[in-house]
Amino acid sequence: MGLSFAIFYTVAGIPLGRIADSKSRRGLIAGGVAVWSLMTAFCGLAQQYWHFIIGRIGVGAGEAALSPAAYSLIADSFAPNRRATASVCTRWVFTLVPVLRFCWAVSW
């Protein structure tokens, strides 16, 4: 499952990065979150292994929309001397949230 996600996250990230530079980044983020959410639900409803693989491919493609659009928005929203801090905070949240979610799940 990890390989199908990683391949499509990587492959989809390149054209989505180009789209983030030329189209609505907020729309790209919204579309990516919608695909990500729908495909996550699809994974939960999977009846066969290949259904789950297709769901993971969709999750990877949906997640791939977030990073290029978010960093492009950061570049436009912050002065050059503040961009590094904003980028680090964004990356920190992407890392911290799954860790906190895991800790919360384990505590139940």
Protein backbone atom coordinates (compact mmCIF):
# COMPACT_ATOMS: atom_id res chain seq x y z
CA MET A 1 0.00 0.00 0.00
CA GLY A 2 2.83 2.39 0.80
CA LEU A 3 4.38 1.98 -2.63
CA SER A 4 1.15 2.80 -4.49
CA PHE A 5 0.73 5.91 -2.34
CA ALA A 6 4.36 7.02 -2.71
CA ILE A 7 4.46 6.59 -6.48
CA PHE A 8 1.30 8.58 -7.12
CA TYR A 9 2.16 11.21 -4.49
CA THR A 10 5.46 11.79 -6.29
CA VAL A 11 4.14 11.57 -9.85
CA ALA A 12 1.07 13.73 -9.18
CA GLY A 13 3.11 16.34 -7.30
CA ILE A 14 4.97 17.49 -10.41
CA PRO A 15 1.98 18.52 -12.57
CA LEU A 16 0.11 19.77 -9.50
CA GLY A 17 3.05 22.03 -8.72
CA ARG A 18 2.78 23.50 -12.22
CA ILE A 19 -0.95 23.99 -11.75
CA ALA A 20 -0.32 25.71 -8.39
CA ASP A 21 1.86 28.24 -10.21
CA SER A 22 -0.69 29.06 -12.89
CA LYS A 23 -4.19 28.49 -11.46
CA SER A 24 -6.12 29.08 -8.24
CA ARG A 25 -4.09 27.64 -5.38
CA ARG A 26 -7.03 27.75 -2.99
CA GLY A 27 -9.10 25.84 -5.53
CA LEU A 28 -6.29 23.32 -5.93
CA ILE A 29 -6.09 22.81 -2.17
CA ALA A 30 -9.88 22.45 -1.95
CA GLY A 31 -9.94 19.95 -4.80
CA GLY A 32 -7.02 18.02 -3.32
CA VAL A 33 -8.68 17.81 0.09
CA ALA A 34 -11.92 16.67 -1.56
CA VAL A 35 -10.13 13.91 -3.52
CA TRP A 36 -8.09 12.98 -0.45
CA SER A 37 -11.22 12.72 1.73
CA LEU A 38 -13.31 10.79 -0.80
CA MET A 39 -10.52 8.33 -1.49
CA THR A 40 -9.92 7.85 2.24
CA ALA A 41 -13.61 6.94 2.58
CA PHE A 42 -13.23 4.66 -0.46
CA CYS A 43 -10.36 2.88 1.34
CA GLY A 44 -12.65 2.29 4.31
CA LEU A 45 -15.28 0.73 2.07
CA ALA A 46 -12.86 -1.44 0.09
CA GLN A 47 -14.04 -5.01 -0.32
CA GLN A 48 -11.03 -6.33 -2.22
CA TYR A 49 -7.32 -5.65 -2.22
CA TRP A 50 -7.32 -3.83 -5.56
CA HIS A 51 -10.07 -1.50 -4.28
CA PHE A 52 -7.77 -0.52 -1.46
CA ILE A 53 -4.86 0.02 -3.86
CA ILE A 54 -7.01 2.35 -5.99
CA GLY A 55 -8.03 4.21 -2.84
CA ARG A 56 -4.41 4.63 -1.75
CA ILE A 57 -3.51 5.90 -5.23
CA GLY A 58 -6.28 8.50 -4.90
CA VAL A 59 -5.15 9.47 -1.41
CA GLY A 60 -1.63 10.02 -2.74
CA ALA A 61 -2.88 12.14 -5.62
CA GLY A 62 -5.12 14.18 -3.31
CA GLU A 63 -2.38 14.78 -0.76
CA ALA A 64 0.05 15.76 -3.51
CA ALA A 65 -2.04 18.87 -4.21
CA LEU A 66 -1.44 20.35 -0.77
CA SER A 67 2.32 20.94 -0.55
CA PRO A 68 2.97 22.82 -3.81
CA ALA A 69 -0.07 25.04 -3.37
CA ALA A 70 0.63 25.71 0.32
CA TYR A 71 4.26 26.65 -0.26
CA SER A 72 3.29 28.84 -3.19
CA LEU A 73 0.77 30.66 -0.98
CA ILE A 74 3.43 31.06 1.70
CA ALA A 75 5.81 32.57 -0.84
CA ASP A 76 3.20 35.16 -1.81
CA SER A 77 1.98 35.86 1.72
CA PHE A 78 5.24 36.40 3.60
CA ALA A 79 8.19 38.72 3.14
CA PRO A 80 11.40 36.98 2.03
CA ASN A 81 12.94 37.24 5.50
CA ARG A 82 9.88 35.51 7.07
CA ARG A 83 9.30 32.73 4.51
CA ALA A 84 11.64 30.23 6.12
CA THR A 85 9.83 30.48 9.45
CA ALA A 86 6.43 30.14 7.79
CA SER A 87 7.60 27.14 5.76
CA VAL A 88 9.07 25.42 8.82
CA CYS A 89 5.85 25.99 10.80
CA THR A 90 3.81 24.52 7.95
CA ARG A 91 6.08 21.46 7.69
CA TRP A 92 6.06 21.11 11.47
CA VAL A 93 2.26 20.95 11.49
CA PHE A 94 2.28 18.31 8.72
CA THR A 95 4.55 16.22 10.94
CA LEU A 96 3.07 16.96 14.35
CA VAL A 97 -0.61 16.33 13.57
CA PRO A 98 -0.19 12.64 12.65
CA VAL A 99 1.96 12.09 15.76
CA LEU A 100 -0.66 13.70 18.00
CA ARG A 101 -3.42 11.75 16.29
CA PHE A 102 -1.53 8.51 16.94
CA CYS A 103 -0.95 9.42 20.60
CA TRP A 104 -4.64 10.23 21.01
CA ALA A 105 -5.66 6.94 19.38
CA VAL A 106 -3.29 4.92 21.57
CA SER A 107 -4.59 6.61 24.72
CA TRP A 108 -8.11 5.25 24.10
